[in-house]
Protein backbone atom coordinates (compact mmCIF):
# COMPACT_ATOMS: atom_id res chain seq x y z
CA UNK A 1 -13.92 28.00 91.94
CA UNK A 2 -12.54 24.45 92.61
CA UNK A 3 -12.33 23.77 88.84
CA UNK A 4 -10.73 27.06 87.99
CA UNK A 5 -8.12 26.65 90.92
CA UNK A 6 -7.26 23.13 90.00
CA UNK A 7 -7.71 23.20 86.13
CA UNK A 8 -4.05 22.28 85.24
CA UNK A 9 -4.22 19.32 87.60
CA UNK A 10 -7.58 18.18 86.19
CA UNK A 11 -6.31 18.47 82.72
CA UNK A 12 -3.20 16.44 83.54
CA UNK A 13 -5.42 13.72 85.11
CA UNK A 14 -7.61 13.56 81.94
CA UNK A 15 -4.56 13.32 79.66
CA UNK A 16 -3.25 10.53 81.73
CA UNK A 17 -6.46 8.67 81.87
CA UNK A 18 -7.01 9.01 78.15
CA UNK A 19 -3.50 8.04 77.39
CA UNK A 20 -3.85 5.01 79.58
CA UNK A 21 -7.10 4.08 77.77
CA UNK A 22 -5.34 4.27 74.33
CA UNK A 23 -2.37 2.29 75.47
CA UNK A 24 -4.68 -0.42 77.16
CA UNK A 25 -6.43 -0.79 73.71
CA UNK A 26 -3.22 -1.79 72.13
CA UNK A 27 -2.20 -4.11 75.01
CA UNK A 28 -5.50 -5.64 75.98
CA UNK A 29 -4.94 -9.15 77.30
CA UNK A 30 -6.72 -11.62 74.92
CA UNK A 31 -6.83 -9.17 72.10
CA UNK A 32 -9.38 -7.13 70.44
CA UNK A 33 -10.20 -5.74 67.01
CA UNK A 34 -7.69 -3.96 64.54
CA UNK A 35 -8.42 -2.06 61.39
CA UNK A 36 -6.39 -3.23 58.46
CA UNK A 37 -4.14 -0.07 58.24
CA UNK A 38 -3.36 -0.45 61.99
CA UNK A 39 -2.50 -4.15 61.64
CA UNK A 40 -0.36 -3.39 58.58
CA UNK A 41 1.47 -0.56 60.42
CA UNK A 42 2.05 -2.84 63.52
CA UNK A 43 3.26 -5.66 61.36
CA UNK A 44 5.70 -3.35 59.50
CA UNK A 45 7.11 -2.32 62.90
CA UNK A 46 7.43 -5.95 64.00
CA UNK A 47 4.85 -5.56 66.80
CA UNK A 48 2.36 -8.17 65.51
CA UNK A 49 2.39 -11.25 63.37
CA UNK A 50 -0.52 -11.45 60.89
CA UNK A 51 -2.03 -14.90 60.24
CA UNK A 52 -4.07 -15.18 57.14
CA UNK A 53 -6.52 -18.02 58.13
CA UNK A 54 -8.12 -18.40 54.72
CA UNK A 55 -7.78 -21.53 52.51
CA UNK A 56 -4.70 -21.86 50.37
CA UNK A 57 -6.46 -21.49 47.16
CA UNK A 58 -7.74 -18.01 48.45
CA UNK A 59 -4.00 -17.10 49.11
CA UNK A 60 -3.19 -18.00 45.56
CA UNK A 61 -6.08 -15.90 44.18
CA UNK A 62 -5.33 -12.63 46.14
CA UNK A 63 -2.01 -13.09 47.82
CA UNK A 64 -1.50 -12.62 51.49
CA UNK A 65 -1.31 -9.41 53.42
CA UNK A 66 2.28 -8.08 53.34
CA UNK A 67 4.37 -9.73 56.08
CA UNK A 68 1.55 -12.33 56.78
CA UNK A 69 1.89 -16.03 57.30
CA UNK A 70 -0.67 -18.46 56.03
CA UNK A 71 -2.15 -20.61 58.75
CA UNK A 72 -5.43 -21.89 57.45
CA UNK A 73 -8.28 -22.89 59.71
CA UNK A 74 -9.00 -25.52 57.18
CA UNK A 75 -5.86 -27.38 58.32
CA UNK A 76 -5.97 -31.13 57.60
CA UNK A 77 -5.62 -31.86 61.34
CA UNK A 78 -8.30 -29.46 62.25
CA UNK A 79 -8.24 -27.08 65.09
CA UNK A 80 -5.11 -28.73 66.53
CA UNK A 81 -3.25 -28.51 63.24
CA UNK A 82 -4.31 -24.84 62.98
CA UNK A 83 -3.06 -23.96 66.47
CA UNK A 84 0.25 -25.78 65.84
CA UNK A 85 0.68 -23.71 62.58
CA UNK A 86 -0.09 -20.54 64.53
CA UNK A 87 2.34 -21.50 67.20
CA UNK A 88 5.12 -22.19 64.75
CA UNK A 89 4.45 -18.72 63.00
CA UNK A 90 5.32 -17.10 66.30
CA UNK A 91 8.33 -19.19 67.06
CA UNK A 92 6.45 -20.92 69.99
CA UNK A 93 5.78 -17.62 71.83
CA UNK A 94 2.07 -17.70 72.89
CA UNK A 95 2.56 -14.11 74.24
CA UNK A 96 3.53 -12.64 70.82
CA UNK A 97 0.80 -10.35 69.46
CA UNK A 98 -1.21 -11.96 66.53
CA UNK A 99 -3.62 -10.57 64.08
CA UNK A 100 -5.97 -12.97 62.35
CA UNK A 101 -7.49 -12.01 58.95
CA UNK A 102 -9.89 -13.79 56.55
CA UNK A 103 -12.20 -12.76 53.79
CA UNK A 104 -14.75 -10.83 55.84
CA UNK A 105 -14.10 -11.53 59.42
CA UNK A 106 -16.05 -14.75 59.96
CA UNK A 107 -13.16 -17.19 59.97
CA UNK A 108 -10.82 -14.75 61.63
CA UNK A 109 -13.24 -14.39 64.39
CA UNK A 110 -13.36 -18.15 64.91
CA UNK A 111 -9.40 -18.34 64.65
CA UNK A 112 -9.15 -15.64 67.32
CA UNK A 113 -11.37 -17.64 69.65
CA UNK A 114 -9.40 -20.82 69.01
CA UNK A 115 -6.04 -19.12 69.72
CA UNK A 116 -7.17 -17.55 72.95
CA UNK A 117 -8.70 -20.90 74.00
CA UNK A 118 -5.29 -22.43 73.23
CA UNK A 119 -3.55 -20.09 75.55
CA UNK A 120 -2.35 -17.31 73.20
CA UNK A 121 -2.53 -14.06 75.16
CA UNK A 122 -2.66 -11.27 72.54
CA UNK A 123 -4.79 -12.27 69.68
CA UNK A 124 -6.47 -9.48 67.37
CA UNK A 125 -8.97 -9.71 64.72
CA UNK A 126 -8.79 -7.74 61.47
CA UNK A 127 -12.49 -8.08 61.25
CA UNK A 128 -12.94 -6.22 58.03
CA UNK A 129 -10.86 -8.87 56.35
CA UNK A 130 -9.43 -8.92 52.88
CA UNK A 131 -12.53 -7.81 51.04
CA UNK A 132 -14.32 -5.61 53.51
CA UNK A 133 -17.59 -5.91 55.40
CA UNK A 134 -20.80 -4.06 56.25
CA UNK A 135 -22.56 -4.74 59.51
CA UNK A 136 -24.15 -3.08 62.52
CA UNK A 137 -20.81 -1.49 63.35
CA UNK A 138 -20.61 0.26 60.00
CA UNK A 139 -18.71 -0.21 56.81
CA UNK A 140 -15.12 -1.24 56.54
CA UNK A 141 -13.41 -1.52 53.17
CA UNK A 142 -10.91 -4.40 53.75
CA UNK A 143 -7.25 -4.89 53.18
CA UNK A 144 -7.47 -4.99 49.33
CA UNK A 145 -9.88 -2.13 48.83
CA UNK A 146 -7.67 0.09 51.12
CA UNK A 147 -4.82 -0.66 48.72
CA UNK A 148 -2.61 -2.16 51.39
CA UNK A 149 0.24 -4.21 49.99
CA UNK A 150 -0.01 -7.94 49.42
CA UNK A 151 2.66 -10.55 48.92
CA UNK A 152 2.45 -13.25 46.28
CA UNK A 153 1.62 -16.80 47.18
CA UNK A 154 3.14 -19.41 44.96
CA UNK A 155 0.72 -21.34 42.79
């Protein structure tokens, strides 16, 4: 009786809660994980800056994700140099959303942690990387295998 009488209100509450959950995923402080198509769409809309954290030779081999900036974790000045490059890529704004990407998610996970430790507030990881991965969470094809656009990196 109660459910039938208050059904419209219960539905509205569920919609609000679910909508809040979806919005919270996109705005999670500290970051989270993004699929490659989601990162690409967000970058295209200017909502996120993608940082390709691989080595420069890898950028030359495959290109970078469209709209991405190369900021290698193999920086000559180590972690501090990498963080400085990331900071420059977002114009000094530690609150700007960033997505890290590497080959298969290992280095991008490390980069994500370094950036959060350095005070960046919204750092996401494109864990499937450029080439994809298969782990306990399932298979993800990667940026290149999904056919997402890349930009040429000068040789």
